[in-house]
Amino acid sequence: MLNENSSVAAIRDNEVVRSILERRSIRVFKNKSVEPEKVEVLLECAFAAPSAMNIHPCHLMVIYEAFLLKEIGSVHERTRMVALAPLAIGVCVDVANYEKRHNLTDGTWMEDSSCAMENILIAAKSLGLEGVWLKIVNRPEREEAVSRILNIPEGVKLFALAVLGYGDEFKAPHSGVDSAKLHRNGW
């Protein structure tokens, strides 16, 4: 077992580890656009996410038009932060096609989508951006409204939106391990 010492502190100071521990759900953004080159890197990171059988089923939708962000923000109480963000990236999957072509009907596409979302959020943090994972799929009111706004074709599921920008709020980094939820070599 690791004890808190200088060796652990040095490991925790690793750039990737620091980005993971410092990534928090930020819902307040500065009125500043995200640079196109950063958007391209975020997309590349999303497409680099692992997926079942290396199928990579995710389609990405970049949303930066203010009128679309405002409309999405007006859909539901939980989507309101989108209206003030300069950028959202939607992770979508053509579920019917995916399940038929690959005989994967167990919801694997949601796990693949989760990997892409997490890559986006960690990469955003490492690029000086903040963000929040806005759940869409399996929330019927939200899913229907946002899919309509974004003209998502039938059969394609919008899994979630990464709502991104330059943060205008601060939350302390994560630290430590919850020993009440930690089990070793069995429950």
C-alpha atoms as a PDB file:
ATOM      1  CA  MET A   1       0.000   0.000   0.000  1.00  0.00           C
ATOM      2  CA  LEU A   2       1.175   3.503  -0.756  1.00  0.00           C
ATOM      3  CA  ASN A   3       1.730   6.018   2.004  1.00  0.00           C
ATOM      4  CA  GLU A   4       1.664   9.761   1.515  1.00  0.00           C
ATOM      5  CA  ASN A   5       5.297  10.627   0.895  1.00  0.00           C
ATOM      6  CA  SER A   6       7.480  12.508  -1.541  1.00  0.00           C
ATOM      7  CA  SER A   7       7.381   9.621  -4.037  1.00  0.00           C
ATOM      8  CA  VAL A   8       3.559   9.715  -4.168  1.00  0.00           C
ATOM      9  CA  ALA A   9       3.629  13.518  -4.466  1.00  0.00           C
ATOM     10  CA  ALA A  10       6.050  13.265  -7.406  1.00  0.00           C
ATOM     11  CA  ILE A  11       3.816  10.723  -9.145  1.00  0.00           C
ATOM     12  CA  ARG A  12       0.750  12.881  -8.488  1.00  0.00           C
ATOM     13  CA  ASP A  13       2.589  15.788 -10.132  1.00  0.00           C
ATOM     14  CA  ASN A  14       2.658  13.920 -13.460  1.00  0.00           C
ATOM     15  CA  GLU A  15       0.882  16.071 -16.070  1.00  0.00           C
ATOM     16  CA  VAL A  16      -1.702  13.401 -16.980  1.00  0.00           C
ATOM     17  CA  VAL A  17      -2.426  12.481 -13.363  1.00  0.00           C
ATOM     18  CA  ARG A  18      -2.721  16.166 -12.464  1.00  0.00           C
ATOM     19  CA  SER A  19      -5.253  16.715 -15.288  1.00  0.00           C
ATOM     20  CA  ILE A  20      -7.348  13.794 -14.037  1.00  0.00           C
ATOM     21  CA  LEU A  21      -7.288  14.931 -10.397  1.00  0.00           C
ATOM     22  CA  GLU A  22      -7.937  18.592 -11.261  1.00  0.00           C
ATOM     23  CA  ARG A  23     -10.818  17.875 -13.689  1.00  0.00           C
ATOM     24  CA  ARG A  24     -14.073  18.970 -12.083  1.00  0.00           C
ATOM     25  CA  SER A  25     -17.548  19.643 -13.435  1.00  0.00           C
ATOM     26  CA  ILE A  26     -17.469  23.351 -14.254  1.00  0.00           C
ATOM     27  CA  ARG A  27     -20.697  24.980 -15.425  1.00  0.00           C
ATOM     28  CA  VAL A  28     -19.751  28.676 -15.551  1.00  0.00           C
ATOM     29  CA  PHE A  29     -17.658  29.933 -18.449  1.00  0.00           C
ATOM     30  CA  LYS A  30     -15.912  33.132 -19.485  1.00  0.00           C
ATOM     31  CA  ASN A  31     -17.121  34.885 -22.611  1.00  0.00           C
ATOM     32  CA  LYS A  32     -14.166  33.642 -24.651  1.00  0.00           C
ATOM     33  CA  SER A  33     -14.138  31.357 -27.684  1.00  0.00           C
ATOM     34  CA  VAL A  34     -12.172  28.137 -27.740  1.00  0.00           C
ATOM     35  CA  GLU A  35      -9.403  28.245 -30.321  1.00  0.00           C
ATOM     36  CA  PRO A  36      -9.987  26.029 -33.400  1.00  0.00           C
ATOM     37  CA  GLU A  37      -6.672  24.232 -32.913  1.00  0.00           C
ATOM     38  CA  LYS A  38      -7.731  23.202 -29.397  1.00  0.00           C
ATOM     39  CA  VAL A  39     -11.042  21.924 -30.768  1.00  0.00           C
ATOM     40  CA  GLU A  40      -9.144  19.815 -33.313  1.00  0.00           C
ATOM     41  CA  VAL A  41      -6.983  18.281 -30.587  1.00  0.00           C
ATOM     42  CA  LEU A  42     -10.076  17.530 -28.475  1.00  0.00           C
ATOM     43  CA  LEU A  43     -11.636  15.738 -31.452  1.00  0.00           C
ATOM     44  CA  GLU A  44      -8.461  13.760 -32.057  1.00  0.00           C
ATOM     45  CA  CYS A  45      -8.418  12.717 -28.384  1.00  0.00           C
ATOM     46  CA  ALA A  46     -12.059  11.623 -28.563  1.00  0.00           C
ATOM     47  CA  PHE A  47     -11.421   9.522 -31.650  1.00  0.00           C
ATOM     48  CA  ALA A  48      -8.399   7.951 -29.879  1.00  0.00           C
ATOM     49  CA  ALA A  49     -10.626   6.510 -27.140  1.00  0.00           C
ATOM     50  CA  PRO A  50     -10.674   2.742 -26.791  1.00  0.00           C
ATOM     51  CA  SER A  51     -13.717   0.869 -28.079  1.00  0.00           C
ATOM     52  CA  ALA A  52     -15.038  -2.685 -28.170  1.00  0.00           C
ATOM     53  CA  MET A  53     -13.309  -4.691 -30.903  1.00  0.00           C
ATOM     54  CA  ASN A  54     -11.691  -1.403 -32.053  1.00  0.00           C
ATOM     55  CA  ILE A  55     -14.925  -0.516 -33.911  1.00  0.00           C
ATOM     56  CA  HIS A  56     -14.922   3.172 -32.918  1.00  0.00           C
ATOM     57  CA  PRO A  57     -18.673   3.747 -33.353  1.00  0.00           C
ATOM     58  CA  CYS A  58     -18.754   7.352 -32.154  1.00  0.00           C
ATOM     59  CA  HIS A  59     -19.641  10.288 -34.361  1.00  0.00           C
ATOM     60  CA  LEU A  60     -18.757  13.699 -32.966  1.00  0.00           C
ATOM     61  CA  MET A  61     -20.745  16.888 -33.386  1.00  0.00           C
ATOM     62  CA  VAL A  62     -19.054  20.235 -32.722  1.00  0.00           C
ATOM     63  CA  ILE A  63     -21.510  22.935 -31.663  1.00  0.00           C
ATOM     64  CA  TYR A  64     -20.293  26.535 -31.453  1.00  0.00           C
ATOM     65  CA  GLU A  65     -23.137  28.573 -32.977  1.00  0.00           C
ATOM     66  CA  ALA A  66     -24.516  30.743 -30.163  1.00  0.00           C
ATOM     67  CA  PHE A  67     -28.149  30.359 -31.252  1.00  0.00           C
ATOM     68  CA  LEU A  68     -27.897  26.543 -31.056  1.00  0.00           C
ATOM     69  CA  LEU A  69     -26.157  26.629 -27.683  1.00  0.00           C
ATOM     70  CA  LYS A  70     -28.855  28.992 -26.361  1.00  0.00           C
ATOM     71  CA  GLU A  71     -31.649  26.793 -27.700  1.00  0.00           C
ATOM     72  CA  ILE A  72     -30.136  23.685 -26.098  1.00  0.00           C
ATOM     73  CA  GLY A  73     -29.712  25.648 -22.877  1.00  0.00           C
ATOM     74  CA  SER A  74     -33.418  26.465 -22.808  1.00  0.00           C
ATOM     75  CA  VAL A  75     -34.557  22.824 -23.093  1.00  0.00           C
ATOM     76  CA  HIS A  76     -34.317  21.767 -19.469  1.00  0.00           C
ATOM     77  CA  GLU A  77     -33.181  23.034 -16.080  1.00  0.00           C
ATOM     78  CA  ARG A  78     -30.105  20.778 -16.299  1.00  0.00           C
ATOM     79  CA  THR A  79     -29.064  22.086 -19.735  1.00  0.00           C
ATOM     80  CA  ARG A  80     -29.011  25.795 -18.921  1.00  0.00           C
ATOM     81  CA  MET A  81     -25.193  26.019 -18.682  1.00  0.00           C
ATOM     82  CA  VAL A  82     -24.993  25.217 -22.408  1.00  0.00           C
ATOM     83  CA  ALA A  83     -26.464  28.637 -23.238  1.00  0.00           C
ATOM     84  CA  LEU A  84     -23.445  30.371 -21.678  1.00  0.00           C
ATOM     85  CA  ALA A  85     -20.739  28.047 -23.028  1.00  0.00           C
ATOM     86  CA  PRO A  86     -18.783  28.804 -26.193  1.00  0.00           C
ATOM     87  CA  LEU A  87     -18.567  25.151 -27.235  1.00  0.00           C
ATOM     88  CA  ALA A  88     -20.181  21.753 -26.900  1.00  0.00           C
ATOM     89  CA  ILE A  89     -19.104  18.460 -28.402  1.00  0.00           C
ATOM     90  CA  GLY A  90     -21.762  15.814 -28.827  1.00  0.00           C
ATOM     91  CA  VAL A  91     -20.886  12.141 -28.814  1.00  0.00           C
ATOM     92  CA  CYS A  92     -23.333  10.194 -31.005  1.00  0.00           C
ATOM     93  CA  VAL A  93     -23.701   6.609 -32.208  1.00  0.00           C
ATOM     94  CA  ASP A  94     -25.759   5.148 -35.045  1.00  0.00           C
ATOM     95  CA  VAL A  95     -27.025   2.478 -32.651  1.00  0.00           C
ATOM     96  CA  ALA A  96     -29.206   0.477 -35.037  1.00  0.00           C
ATOM     97  CA  ASN A  97     -26.416   0.189 -37.606  1.00  0.00           C
ATOM     98  CA  TYR A  98     -23.816  -0.562 -34.921  1.00  0.00           C
ATOM     99  CA  GLU A  99     -25.866  -3.336 -33.343  1.00  0.00           C
ATOM    100  CA  LYS A 100     -26.802  -4.908 -36.677  1.00  0.00           C
ATOM    101  CA  ARG A 101     -23.341  -4.785 -38.273  1.00  0.00           C
ATOM    102  CA  HIS A 102     -21.409  -5.935 -35.220  1.00  0.00           C
ATOM    103  CA  ASN A 103     -23.966  -8.064 -33.368  1.00  0.00           C
ATOM    104  CA  LEU A 104     -23.378  -6.046 -30.200  1.00  0.00           C
ATOM    105  CA  THR A 105     -26.776  -5.548 -28.608  1.00  0.00           C
ATOM    106  CA  ASP A 106     -25.646  -5.303 -24.995  1.00  0.00           C
ATOM    107  CA  GLY A 107     -25.201  -1.523 -24.815  1.00  0.00           C
ATOM    108  CA  THR A 108     -21.479  -1.639 -25.552  1.00  0.00           C
ATOM    109  CA  TRP A 109     -21.868   1.579 -27.561  1.00  0.00           C
ATOM    110  CA  MET A 110     -22.539   3.433 -24.290  1.00  0.00           C
ATOM    111  CA  GLU A 111     -19.231   2.265 -22.853  1.00  0.00           C
ATOM    112  CA  ASP A 112     -17.440   3.322 -26.034  1.00  0.00           C
ATOM    113  CA  SER A 113     -19.178   6.710 -25.866  1.00  0.00           C
ATOM    114  CA  SER A 114     -18.159   7.089 -22.221  1.00  0.00           C
ATOM    115  CA  CYS A 115     -14.519   6.570 -23.139  1.00  0.00           C
ATOM    116  CA  ALA A 116     -14.728   9.270 -25.816  1.00  0.00           C
ATOM    117  CA  MET A 117     -16.422  11.694 -23.390  1.00  0.00           C
ATOM    118  CA  GLU A 118     -13.829  11.151 -20.689  1.00  0.00           C
ATOM    119  CA  ASN A 119     -10.989  11.666 -23.190  1.00  0.00           C
ATOM    120  CA  ILE A 120     -12.575  14.970 -24.250  1.00  0.00           C
ATOM    121  CA  LEU A 121     -12.928  16.208 -20.668  1.00  0.00           C
ATOM    122  CA  ILE A 122      -9.435  15.221 -19.541  1.00  0.00           C
ATOM    123  CA  ALA A 123      -7.871  16.631 -22.710  1.00  0.00           C
ATOM    124  CA  ALA A 124      -9.847  19.856 -22.223  1.00  0.00           C
ATOM    125  CA  LYS A 125      -8.470  20.218 -18.692  1.00  0.00           C
ATOM    126  CA  SER A 126      -4.921  19.648 -19.932  1.00  0.00           C
ATOM    127  CA  LEU A 127      -5.446  22.406 -22.546  1.00  0.00           C
ATOM    128  CA  GLY A 128      -6.582  24.961 -19.954  1.00  0.00           C
ATOM    129  CA  LEU A 129     -10.296  24.452 -20.572  1.00  0.00           C
ATOM    130  CA  GLU A 130     -13.033  23.364 -18.207  1.00  0.00           C
ATOM    131  CA  GLY A 131     -16.212  21.485 -18.850  1.00  0.00           C
ATOM    132  CA  VAL A 132     -19.066  19.324 -17.743  1.00  0.00           C
ATOM    133  CA  TRP A 133     -20.525  16.045 -18.999  1.00  0.00           C
ATOM    134  CA  LEU A 134     -24.176  16.691 -19.822  1.00  0.00           C
ATOM    135  CA  LYS A 135     -26.128  13.441 -19.911  1.00  0.00           C
ATOM    136  CA  ILE A 136     -28.603  13.166 -22.771  1.00  0.00           C
ATOM    137  CA  VAL A 137     -29.339   9.516 -23.592  1.00  0.00           C
ATOM    138  CA  ASN A 138     -32.102   7.778 -21.625  1.00  0.00           C
ATOM    139  CA  ARG A 139     -33.503  11.120 -20.450  1.00  0.00           C
ATOM    140  CA  PRO A 140     -36.473  11.183 -22.852  1.00  0.00           C
ATOM    141  CA  GLU A 141     -37.461  14.854 -22.611  1.00  0.00           C
ATOM    142  CA  ARG A 142     -33.893  16.083 -22.989  1.00  0.00           C
ATOM    143  CA  GLU A 143     -32.958  13.496 -25.610  1.00  0.00           C
ATOM    144  CA  GLU A 144     -35.922  14.310 -27.840  1.00  0.00           C
ATOM    145  CA  ALA A 145     -35.545  18.087 -27.595  1.00  0.00           C
ATOM    146  CA  VAL A 146     -31.773  18.274 -28.105  1.00  0.00           C
ATOM    147  CA  SER A 147     -31.864  15.699 -30.924  1.00  0.00           C
ATOM    148  CA  ARG A 148     -34.523  17.792 -32.658  1.00  0.00           C
ATOM    149  CA  ILE A 149     -32.517  21.012 -32.280  1.00  0.00           C
ATOM    150  CA  LEU A 150     -29.408  19.341 -33.742  1.00  0.00           C
ATOM    151  CA  ASN A 151     -31.263  17.484 -36.528  1.00  0.00           C
ATOM    152  CA  ILE A 152     -29.960  14.124 -35.377  1.00  0.00           C
ATOM    153  CA  PRO A 153     -31.243  11.393 -37.705  1.00  0.00           C
ATOM    154  CA  GLU A 154     -33.538   8.642 -36.510  1.00  0.00           C
ATOM    155  CA  GLY A 155     -31.576   5.661 -35.191  1.00  0.00           C
ATOM    156  CA  VAL A 156     -28.691   7.850 -34.061  1.00  0.00           C
ATOM    157  CA  LYS A 157     -28.412   8.403 -30.317  1.00  0.00           C
ATOM    158  CA  LEU A 158     -26.881  11.524 -28.837  1.00  0.00           C
ATOM    159  CA  PHE A 159     -25.141   9.983 -25.844  1.00  0.00           C
ATOM    160  CA  ALA A 160     -23.969  13.175 -24.145  1.00  0.00           C
ATOM    161  CA  LEU A 161     -22.566  16.652 -24.618  1.00  0.00           C
ATOM    162  CA  ALA A 162     -19.202  17.819 -23.366  1.00  0.00           C
ATOM    163  CA  VAL A 163     -19.966  21.467 -22.544  1.00  0.00           C
ATOM    164  CA  LEU A 164     -16.656  23.308 -22.711  1.00  0.00           C
ATOM    165  CA  GLY A 165     -14.976  26.663 -22.354  1.00  0.00           C
ATOM    166  CA  TYR A 166     -12.658  28.724 -20.211  1.00  0.00           C
ATOM    167  CA  GLY A 167     -13.920  28.251 -16.672  1.00  0.00           C
ATOM    168  CA  ASP A 168     -15.192  31.132 -14.604  1.00  0.00           C
ATOM    169  CA  GLU A 169     -15.492  29.198 -11.356  1.00  0.00           C
ATOM    170  CA  PHE A 170     -13.035  27.174  -9.290  1.00  0.00           C
ATOM    171  CA  LYS A 171     -13.376  23.833  -7.559  1.00  0.00           C
ATOM    172  CA  ALA A 172     -10.574  22.235  -5.579  1.00  0.00           C
ATOM    173  CA  PRO A 173      -8.871  19.196  -7.117  1.00  0.00           C
ATOM    174  CA  HIS A 174      -9.816  15.694  -6.062  1.00  0.00           C
ATOM    175  CA  SER A 175      -7.479  14.087  -3.557  1.00  0.00           C
ATOM    176  CA  GLY A 176      -7.157  10.959  -1.520  1.00  0.00           C
ATOM    177  CA  VAL A 177      -8.913   7.633  -1.578  1.00  0.00           C
ATOM    178  CA  ASP A 178     -12.278   6.878   0.041  1.00  0.00           C
ATOM    179  CA  SER A 179     -11.197   4.000   2.282  1.00  0.00           C
ATOM    180  CA  ALA A 180     -14.853   3.114   3.004  1.00  0.00           C
ATOM    181  CA  LYS A 181     -15.233   2.258  -0.700  1.00  0.00           C
ATOM    182  CA  LEU A 182     -11.849   0.636  -1.247  1.00  0.00           C
ATOM    183  CA  HIS A 183     -11.593  -3.160  -1.250  1.00  0.00           C
ATOM    184  CA  ARG A 184      -8.503  -5.233  -1.938  1.00  0.00           C
ATOM    185  CA  ASN A 185      -8.478  -8.813  -3.193  1.00  0.00           C
ATOM    186  CA  GLY A 186     -12.243  -9.089  -2.791  1.00  0.00           C
ATOM    187  CA  TRP A 187     -15.100  -7.293  -1.088  1.00  0.00           C
END
